[in-house]
C-alpha atoms as a PDB file:
ATOM      1  CA  MET A   1     -22.693 -46.988 -19.530  1.00  0.00           C
ATOM      2  CA  ALA A   2     -25.177 -45.363 -21.919  1.00  0.00           C
ATOM      3  CA  ARG A   3     -25.413 -41.585 -21.737  1.00  0.00           C
ATOM      4  CA  GLU A   4     -28.530 -39.862 -20.466  1.00  0.00           C
ATOM      5  CA  PRO A   5     -30.871 -38.735 -23.253  1.00  0.00           C
ATOM      6  CA  ILE A   6     -31.073 -34.974 -23.751  1.00  0.00           C
ATOM      7  CA  PHE A   7     -34.506 -33.401 -23.236  1.00  0.00           C
ATOM      8  CA  THR A   8     -35.276 -30.059 -24.904  1.00  0.00           C
ATOM      9  CA  PRO A   9     -38.367 -28.195 -23.588  1.00  0.00           C
ATOM     10  CA  ILE A  10     -40.928 -26.761 -26.015  1.00  0.00           C
ATOM     11  CA  ASP A  11     -42.666 -23.401 -25.520  1.00  0.00           C
ATOM     12  CA  LEU A  12     -46.274 -24.237 -26.327  1.00  0.00           C
ATOM     13  CA  GLN A  13     -47.103 -20.550 -26.855  1.00  0.00           C
ATOM     14  CA  THR A  14     -44.635 -20.138 -29.741  1.00  0.00           C
ATOM     15  CA  TRP A  15     -44.541 -23.714 -31.056  1.00  0.00           C
ATOM     16  CA  GLU A  16     -46.148 -23.907 -34.491  1.00  0.00           C
ATOM     17  CA  ARG A  17     -47.950 -27.046 -33.374  1.00  0.00           C
ATOM     18  CA  GLY A  18     -48.969 -25.662 -29.979  1.00  0.00           C
ATOM     19  CA  GLN A  19     -52.705 -25.318 -30.637  1.00  0.00           C
ATOM     20  CA  ILE A  20     -52.936 -28.684 -32.400  1.00  0.00           C
ATOM     21  CA  PHE A  21     -51.059 -30.348 -29.552  1.00  0.00           C
ATOM     22  CA  TYR A  22     -53.375 -28.807 -26.968  1.00  0.00           C
ATOM     23  CA  TYR A  23     -56.504 -29.772 -28.893  1.00  0.00           C
ATOM     24  CA  PHE A  24     -55.563 -33.437 -29.420  1.00  0.00           C
ATOM     25  CA  SER A  25     -54.069 -33.909 -25.941  1.00  0.00           C
ATOM     26  CA  LYS A  26     -56.556 -31.970 -23.761  1.00  0.00           C
ATOM     27  CA  MET A  27     -59.797 -31.234 -25.627  1.00  0.00           C
ATOM     28  CA  ALA A  28     -60.135 -34.303 -27.837  1.00  0.00           C
ATOM     29  CA  PRO A  29     -57.420 -36.856 -26.947  1.00  0.00           C
ATOM     30  CA  THR A  30     -56.948 -38.883 -30.090  1.00  0.00           C
ATOM     31  CA  GLY A  31     -54.695 -41.645 -31.308  1.00  0.00           C
ATOM     32  CA  TYR A  32     -54.553 -43.516 -34.589  1.00  0.00           C
ATOM     33  CA  ALA A  33     -52.992 -46.617 -36.082  1.00  0.00           C
ATOM     34  CA  LEU A  34     -52.305 -47.814 -39.592  1.00  0.00           C
ATOM     35  CA  THR A  35     -50.706 -50.872 -41.145  1.00  0.00           C
ATOM     36  CA  VAL A  36     -48.737 -51.039 -44.388  1.00  0.00           C
ATOM     37  CA  ASP A  37     -46.559 -53.556 -46.191  1.00  0.00           C
ATOM     38  CA  VAL A  38     -42.820 -52.940 -46.258  1.00  0.00           C
ATOM     39  CA  ASP A  39     -40.792 -54.658 -48.960  1.00  0.00           C
ATOM     40  CA  VAL A  40     -37.886 -56.298 -47.135  1.00  0.00           C
ATOM     41  CA  THR A  41     -36.616 -58.400 -50.068  1.00  0.00           C
ATOM     42  CA  GLN A  42     -33.265 -56.645 -50.407  1.00  0.00           C
ATOM     43  CA  MET A  43     -32.828 -56.026 -46.705  1.00  0.00           C
ATOM     44  CA  ARG A  44     -33.268 -59.681 -45.778  1.00  0.00           C
ATOM     45  CA  ALA A  45     -31.015 -60.831 -48.622  1.00  0.00           C
ATOM     46  CA  ALA A  46     -28.257 -58.445 -47.475  1.00  0.00           C
ATOM     47  CA  LEU A  47     -28.545 -59.638 -43.869  1.00  0.00           C
ATOM     48  CA  GLU A  48     -28.503 -63.311 -44.872  1.00  0.00           C
ATOM     49  CA  LYS A  49     -25.441 -62.695 -47.016  1.00  0.00           C
ATOM     50  CA  ALA A  50     -23.698 -61.108 -44.011  1.00  0.00           C
ATOM     51  CA  LYS A  51     -25.029 -63.851 -41.670  1.00  0.00           C
ATOM     52  CA  LEU A  52     -26.787 -61.298 -39.469  1.00  0.00           C
ATOM     53  CA  LYS A  53     -30.139 -61.557 -37.671  1.00  0.00           C
ATOM     54  CA  PHE A  54     -33.149 -59.671 -39.033  1.00  0.00           C
ATOM     55  CA  PHE A  55     -34.769 -58.575 -35.759  1.00  0.00           C
ATOM     56  CA  PRO A  56     -31.987 -56.285 -34.445  1.00  0.00           C
ATOM     57  CA  ALA A  57     -31.643 -54.819 -37.941  1.00  0.00           C
ATOM     58  CA  TYR A  58     -35.382 -54.107 -37.933  1.00  0.00           C
ATOM     59  CA  LEU A  59     -35.121 -52.459 -34.494  1.00  0.00           C
ATOM     60  CA  TRP A  60     -32.250 -50.278 -35.667  1.00  0.00           C
ATOM     61  CA  LEU A  61     -33.884 -49.257 -38.934  1.00  0.00           C
ATOM     62  CA  VAL A  62     -37.218 -48.308 -37.355  1.00  0.00           C
ATOM     63  CA  THR A  63     -35.483 -46.351 -34.584  1.00  0.00           C
ATOM     64  CA  LYS A  64     -33.161 -44.596 -37.027  1.00  0.00           C
ATOM     65  CA  THR A  65     -36.132 -43.504 -39.133  1.00  0.00           C
ATOM     66  CA  LEU A  66     -38.218 -42.319 -36.175  1.00  0.00           C
ATOM     67  CA  ASN A  67     -35.253 -40.377 -34.780  1.00  0.00           C
ATOM     68  CA  ALA A  68     -35.093 -38.335 -37.987  1.00  0.00           C
ATOM     69  CA  GLN A  69     -38.255 -36.451 -36.950  1.00  0.00           C
ATOM     70  CA  PRO A  70     -38.599 -34.600 -33.614  1.00  0.00           C
ATOM     71  CA  ALA A  71     -42.369 -35.185 -33.761  1.00  0.00           C
ATOM     72  CA  PHE A  72     -41.843 -38.860 -32.900  1.00  0.00           C
ATOM     73  CA  ARG A  73     -39.620 -37.942 -29.934  1.00  0.00           C
ATOM     74  CA  ILE A  74     -42.096 -35.692 -28.093  1.00  0.00           C
ATOM     75  CA  ALA A  75     -42.638 -36.466 -24.414  1.00  0.00           C
ATOM     76  CA  GLU A  76     -43.651 -34.916 -21.115  1.00  0.00           C
ATOM     77  CA  LYS A  77     -41.035 -34.624 -18.385  1.00  0.00           C
ATOM     78  CA  ASP A  78     -41.839 -33.140 -14.974  1.00  0.00           C
ATOM     79  CA  GLY A  79     -44.956 -31.541 -16.445  1.00  0.00           C
ATOM     80  CA  GLN A  80     -43.021 -29.943 -19.315  1.00  0.00           C
ATOM     81  CA  ILE A  81     -43.580 -30.853 -22.987  1.00  0.00           C
ATOM     82  CA  GLY A  82     -40.422 -31.278 -25.027  1.00  0.00           C
ATOM     83  CA  PHE A  83     -38.537 -33.786 -27.121  1.00  0.00           C
ATOM     84  CA  TYR A  84     -35.636 -36.152 -26.569  1.00  0.00           C
ATOM     85  CA  ASP A  85     -32.622 -36.152 -28.860  1.00  0.00           C
ATOM     86  CA  THR A  86     -33.067 -39.864 -29.595  1.00  0.00           C
ATOM     87  CA  LEU A  87     -35.440 -42.747 -28.956  1.00  0.00           C
ATOM     88  CA  THR A  88     -34.346 -46.066 -27.442  1.00  0.00           C
ATOM     89  CA  PRO A  89     -36.074 -49.245 -28.681  1.00  0.00           C
ATOM     90  CA  LEU A  90     -37.880 -51.200 -25.947  1.00  0.00           C
ATOM     91  CA  TYR A  91     -38.620 -54.660 -27.320  1.00  0.00           C
ATOM     92  CA  ALA A  92     -39.758 -58.140 -26.313  1.00  0.00           C
ATOM     93  CA  ALA A  93     -37.360 -61.052 -25.824  1.00  0.00           C
ATOM     94  CA  PHE A  94     -39.310 -64.290 -26.321  1.00  0.00           C
ATOM     95  CA  HIS A  95     -38.627 -67.321 -24.130  1.00  0.00           C
ATOM     96  CA  ASP A  96     -39.045 -70.650 -25.891  1.00  0.00           C
ATOM     97  CA  ASP A  97     -39.168 -72.655 -22.675  1.00  0.00           C
ATOM     98  CA  ASP A  98     -42.380 -71.198 -21.225  1.00  0.00           C
ATOM     99  CA  LYS A  99     -43.622 -69.045 -24.161  1.00  0.00           C
ATOM    100  CA  THR A 100     -43.442 -65.803 -22.168  1.00  0.00           C
ATOM    101  CA  PHE A 101     -41.480 -62.673 -22.958  1.00  0.00           C
ATOM    102  CA  SER A 102     -39.413 -60.108 -21.120  1.00  0.00           C
ATOM    103  CA  LEU A 103     -38.771 -56.493 -22.028  1.00  0.00           C
ATOM    104  CA  MET A 104     -35.279 -55.431 -23.092  1.00  0.00           C
ATOM    105  CA  TRP A 105     -33.777 -52.245 -24.491  1.00  0.00           C
ATOM    106  CA  THR A 106     -30.657 -51.313 -26.398  1.00  0.00           C
ATOM    107  CA  PRO A 107     -29.619 -47.630 -26.647  1.00  0.00           C
ATOM    108  CA  TYR A 108     -29.668 -46.389 -30.237  1.00  0.00           C
ATOM    109  CA  GLU A 109     -26.355 -46.024 -32.050  1.00  0.00           C
ATOM    110  CA  ALA A 110     -26.126 -44.234 -35.409  1.00  0.00           C
ATOM    111  CA  ASP A 111     -23.694 -46.916 -36.556  1.00  0.00           C
ATOM    112  CA  PHE A 112     -25.581 -50.128 -37.330  1.00  0.00           C
ATOM    113  CA  GLY A 113     -22.638 -52.357 -36.465  1.00  0.00           C
ATOM    114  CA  ALA A 114     -22.280 -50.797 -33.010  1.00  0.00           C
ATOM    115  CA  PHE A 115     -26.001 -51.178 -32.294  1.00  0.00           C
ATOM    116  CA  TYR A 116     -26.016 -54.776 -33.522  1.00  0.00           C
ATOM    117  CA  ALA A 117     -23.080 -55.659 -31.262  1.00  0.00           C
ATOM    118  CA  ALA A 118     -24.791 -54.045 -28.261  1.00  0.00           C
ATOM    119  CA  TYR A 119     -28.017 -55.929 -29.010  1.00  0.00           C
ATOM    120  CA  MET A 120     -26.172 -59.247 -29.188  1.00  0.00           C
ATOM    121  CA  GLU A 121     -24.387 -58.481 -25.911  1.00  0.00           C
ATOM    122  CA  ASN A 122     -27.767 -57.785 -24.281  1.00  0.00           C
ATOM    123  CA  GLN A 123     -29.017 -61.149 -25.508  1.00  0.00           C
ATOM    124  CA  ARG A 124     -25.944 -62.888 -24.135  1.00  0.00           C
ATOM    125  CA  ARG A 125     -26.209 -61.236 -20.722  1.00  0.00           C
ATOM    126  CA  TYR A 126     -29.970 -61.039 -20.208  1.00  0.00           C
ATOM    127  CA  GLY A 127     -31.663 -63.248 -22.809  1.00  0.00           C
ATOM    128  CA  GLU A 128     -32.402 -66.069 -20.362  1.00  0.00           C
ATOM    129  CA  ASN A 129     -33.813 -63.780 -17.657  1.00  0.00           C
ATOM    130  CA  HIS A 130     -37.560 -64.166 -17.123  1.00  0.00           C
ATOM    131  CA  GLY A 131     -39.965 -61.619 -15.683  1.00  0.00           C
ATOM    132  CA  VAL A 132     -41.230 -58.310 -17.003  1.00  0.00           C
ATOM    133  CA  LEU A 133     -37.774 -56.744 -17.249  1.00  0.00           C
ATOM    134  CA  ALA A 134     -34.917 -58.866 -18.552  1.00  0.00           C
ATOM    135  CA  GLN A 135     -32.410 -56.255 -17.352  1.00  0.00           C
ATOM    136  CA  PRO A 136     -33.286 -56.339 -13.638  1.00  0.00           C
ATOM    137  CA  ASP A 137     -30.535 -54.010 -12.438  1.00  0.00           C
ATOM    138  CA  ARG A 138     -32.032 -50.980 -14.143  1.00  0.00           C
ATOM    139  CA  LEU A 139     -35.230 -49.420 -15.502  1.00  0.00           C
ATOM    140  CA  PRO A 140     -35.940 -48.542 -19.133  1.00  0.00           C
ATOM    141  CA  PRO A 141     -34.706 -45.029 -19.963  1.00  0.00           C
ATOM    142  CA  PRO A 142     -37.260 -42.209 -20.261  1.00  0.00           C
ATOM    143  CA  ASN A 143     -36.804 -42.078 -24.060  1.00  0.00           C
ATOM    144  CA  ALA A 144     -37.765 -45.741 -24.561  1.00  0.00           C
ATOM    145  CA  TYR A 145     -40.525 -46.458 -27.068  1.00  0.00           C
ATOM    146  CA  THR A 146     -42.244 -49.772 -27.806  1.00  0.00           C
ATOM    147  CA  VAL A 147     -41.216 -51.686 -30.930  1.00  0.00           C
ATOM    148  CA  SER A 148     -41.718 -55.393 -31.441  1.00  0.00           C
ATOM    149  CA  CYS A 149     -43.031 -58.079 -33.779  1.00  0.00           C
ATOM    150  CA  ILE A 150     -45.448 -60.981 -33.973  1.00  0.00           C
ATOM    151  CA  PRO A 151     -43.449 -63.269 -36.290  1.00  0.00           C
ATOM    152  CA  TRP A 152     -46.146 -65.964 -36.320  1.00  0.00           C
ATOM    153  CA  VAL A 153     -49.011 -63.814 -37.658  1.00  0.00           C
ATOM    154  CA  PRO A 154     -49.267 -62.220 -41.147  1.00  0.00           C
ATOM    155  CA  PHE A 155     -51.716 -59.522 -40.045  1.00  0.00           C
ATOM    156  CA  THR A 156     -53.371 -56.841 -42.154  1.00  0.00           C
ATOM    157  CA  HIS A 157     -54.097 -54.569 -39.184  1.00  0.00           C
ATOM    158  CA  PHE A 158     -52.731 -54.178 -35.683  1.00  0.00           C
ATOM    159  CA  SER A 159     -53.496 -51.536 -33.072  1.00  0.00           C
ATOM    160  CA  VAL A 160     -52.094 -50.961 -29.593  1.00  0.00           C
ATOM    161  CA  HIS A 161     -54.495 -49.741 -26.919  1.00  0.00           C
ATOM    162  CA  SER A 162     -53.289 -48.330 -23.621  1.00  0.00           C
ATOM    163  CA  TYR A 163     -55.527 -48.496 -20.566  1.00  0.00           C
ATOM    164  CA  GLU A 164     -53.372 -46.238 -18.420  1.00  0.00           C
ATOM    165  CA  ASN A 165     -54.274 -42.590 -18.226  1.00  0.00           C
ATOM    166  CA  LYS A 166     -50.916 -40.848 -18.575  1.00  0.00           C
ATOM    167  CA  PRO A 167     -49.296 -38.539 -21.137  1.00  0.00           C
ATOM    168  CA  TYR A 168     -47.489 -40.746 -23.636  1.00  0.00           C
ATOM    169  CA  TYR A 169     -46.685 -39.418 -27.102  1.00  0.00           C
ATOM    170  CA  PHE A 170     -44.086 -41.841 -28.482  1.00  0.00           C
ATOM    171  CA  PRO A 171     -45.178 -44.118 -31.343  1.00  0.00           C
ATOM    172  CA  SER A 172     -45.556 -47.884 -30.998  1.00  0.00           C
ATOM    173  CA  VAL A 173     -44.415 -50.077 -33.891  1.00  0.00           C
ATOM    174  CA  GLU A 174     -45.225 -53.729 -34.564  1.00  0.00           C
ATOM    175  CA  ALA A 175     -44.190 -56.014 -37.412  1.00  0.00           C
ATOM    176  CA  GLY A 176     -45.793 -59.282 -38.504  1.00  0.00           C
ATOM    177  CA  LYS A 177     -44.949 -62.473 -40.364  1.00  0.00           C
ATOM    178  CA  PHE A 178     -43.264 -62.216 -43.770  1.00  0.00           C
ATOM    179  CA  ARG A 179     -45.129 -63.326 -46.871  1.00  0.00           C
ATOM    180  CA  MET A 180     -44.164 -63.693 -50.510  1.00  0.00           C
ATOM    181  CA  GLU A 181     -46.118 -61.672 -53.054  1.00  0.00           C
ATOM    182  CA  ASN A 182     -45.216 -61.613 -56.742  1.00  0.00           C
ATOM    183  CA  GLY A 183     -41.678 -62.668 -55.950  1.00  0.00           C
ATOM    184  CA  ARG A 184     -41.188 -59.968 -53.309  1.00  0.00           C
ATOM    185  CA  LEU A 185     -40.892 -60.468 -49.553  1.00  0.00           C
ATOM    186  CA  LYS A 186     -43.397 -58.306 -47.691  1.00  0.00           C
ATOM    187  CA  MET A 187     -43.563 -57.522 -43.980  1.00  0.00           C
ATOM    188  CA  PRO A 188     -46.706 -55.989 -42.417  1.00  0.00           C
ATOM    189  CA  LEU A 189     -45.816 -52.999 -40.280  1.00  0.00           C
ATOM    190  CA  SER A 190     -48.186 -51.216 -37.913  1.00  0.00           C
ATOM    191  CA  ILE A 191     -47.526 -47.853 -36.304  1.00  0.00           C
ATOM    192  CA  THR A 192     -49.727 -46.396 -33.564  1.00  0.00           C
ATOM    193  CA  CYS A 193     -49.379 -42.691 -32.776  1.00  0.00           C
ATOM    194  CA  HIS A 194     -50.803 -39.913 -30.639  1.00  0.00           C
ATOM    195  CA  HIS A 195     -52.433 -37.310 -32.861  1.00  0.00           C
ATOM    196  CA  ALA A 196     -51.197 -34.520 -30.595  1.00  0.00           C
ATOM    197  CA  ALA A 197     -47.645 -35.263 -31.692  1.00  0.00           C
ATOM    198  CA  THR A 198     -47.960 -36.464 -35.282  1.00  0.00           C
ATOM    199  CA  ASP A 199     -50.143 -36.280 -38.387  1.00  0.00           C
ATOM    200  CA  GLY A 200     -50.298 -38.154 -41.660  1.00  0.00           C
ATOM    201  CA  TRP A 201     -47.436 -36.069 -43.063  1.00  0.00           C
ATOM    202  CA  HIS A 202     -45.037 -37.408 -40.435  1.00  0.00           C
ATOM    203  CA  ILE A 203     -46.160 -40.975 -41.162  1.00  0.00           C
ATOM    204  CA  HIS A 204     -45.647 -40.402 -44.880  1.00  0.00           C
ATOM    205  CA  LEU A 205     -42.061 -39.250 -44.342  1.00  0.00           C
ATOM    206  CA  PHE A 206     -41.358 -42.121 -41.954  1.00  0.00           C
ATOM    207  CA  LEU A 207     -42.629 -44.806 -44.334  1.00  0.00           C
ATOM    208  CA  GLU A 208     -40.958 -43.285 -47.380  1.00  0.00           C
ATOM    209  CA  GLN A 209     -37.554 -43.180 -45.676  1.00  0.00           C
ATOM    210  CA  LEU A 210     -38.012 -46.592 -44.062  1.00  0.00           C
ATOM    211  CA  GLN A 211     -38.594 -48.245 -47.438  1.00  0.00           C
ATOM    212  CA  ALA A 212     -35.716 -46.394 -49.081  1.00  0.00           C
ATOM    213  CA  ASP A 213     -33.313 -47.494 -46.341  1.00  0.00           C
ATOM    214  CA  ALA A 214     -34.608 -51.078 -46.382  1.00  0.00           C
ATOM    215  CA  ASP A 215     -33.838 -51.187 -50.113  1.00  0.00           C
ATOM    216  CA  ARG A 216     -30.250 -50.062 -49.498  1.00  0.00           C
ATOM    217  CA  PHE A 217     -29.588 -51.829 -46.211  1.00  0.00           C
ATOM    218  CA  GLU A 218     -26.427 -53.417 -47.568  1.00  0.00           C
ATOM    219  CA  ASP A 219     -24.832 -49.971 -47.365  1.00  0.00           C
ATOM    220  CA  TYR A 220     -25.423 -49.850 -43.596  1.00  0.00           C
ATOM    221  CA  ILE A 221     -23.941 -53.308 -43.126  1.00  0.00           C
ATOM    222  CA  ASP A 222     -20.867 -52.116 -45.017  1.00  0.00           C
ATOM    223  CA  GLY A 223     -20.707 -48.989 -42.847  1.00  0.00           C
ATOM    224  CA  LYS A 224     -21.391 -46.485 -45.643  1.00  0.00           C
END
C-alpha cells in the first residue's frame, strides 16, 4: 500500500511569497498556460532500445521534474496552505472499445524502474475498467495532479479551464502528437499553473531540467 503523502503547513505571514500568494489567490485570482516543444529524440530512442513504453516514462519524467520544486506542490488542506512532499500523477487511460477514458494514478517513485513496474501493474489490474475512476476501490490521493496527453493532435497551444470554484494550485500538464522537425522528434507540451503558486521563473527551471533529463533518459533506464 502506498504511503500517505506528507503535508507541511506554510506560515503566510513569514513566507517570502505570502503577499504574492494572497494577491493572486484572493484579490486577483489568476492562472496562466504556455506551450513549448520538448525534444524527445534521445528519450524515445532509449525507450525503444529498451522496449519500454513512452507514456509511463513521460509521466515519471514530468512528475520527477515538478517534484523538484515545492512551488508546484502547494495545496490547501483543511483551510491551511502548505505543500506536499511529492506529487502523484493522475492520468487518463483510454479505452479503444468505446473511445472513452478512465482516470488512474500511480504513486511517484524516485526510481524509474519501480514506477514503470507499478504503472504496468495498474494497467494489468485496472486498464479494462470503465467509468470515471479505473481504480474503483479507492479515491485519488490528495497530492494527485493532472497529467495526460492527446496523442492524435500536434497542437501549438493547449489550456485547461476549471469551472469549479475551489482552491487548486497544482499544475496541469498535457502533451500532444510527436512531429519531426529538421531530423529531431518534437513533442508539444502545455503546462497550466495558478499564478499564486508559481511564476515564470519556476516554469523556466522546470522546462530546463525536463529537457536535460529527456536528453539523458538512458541513464534513468540503466538506474544511474
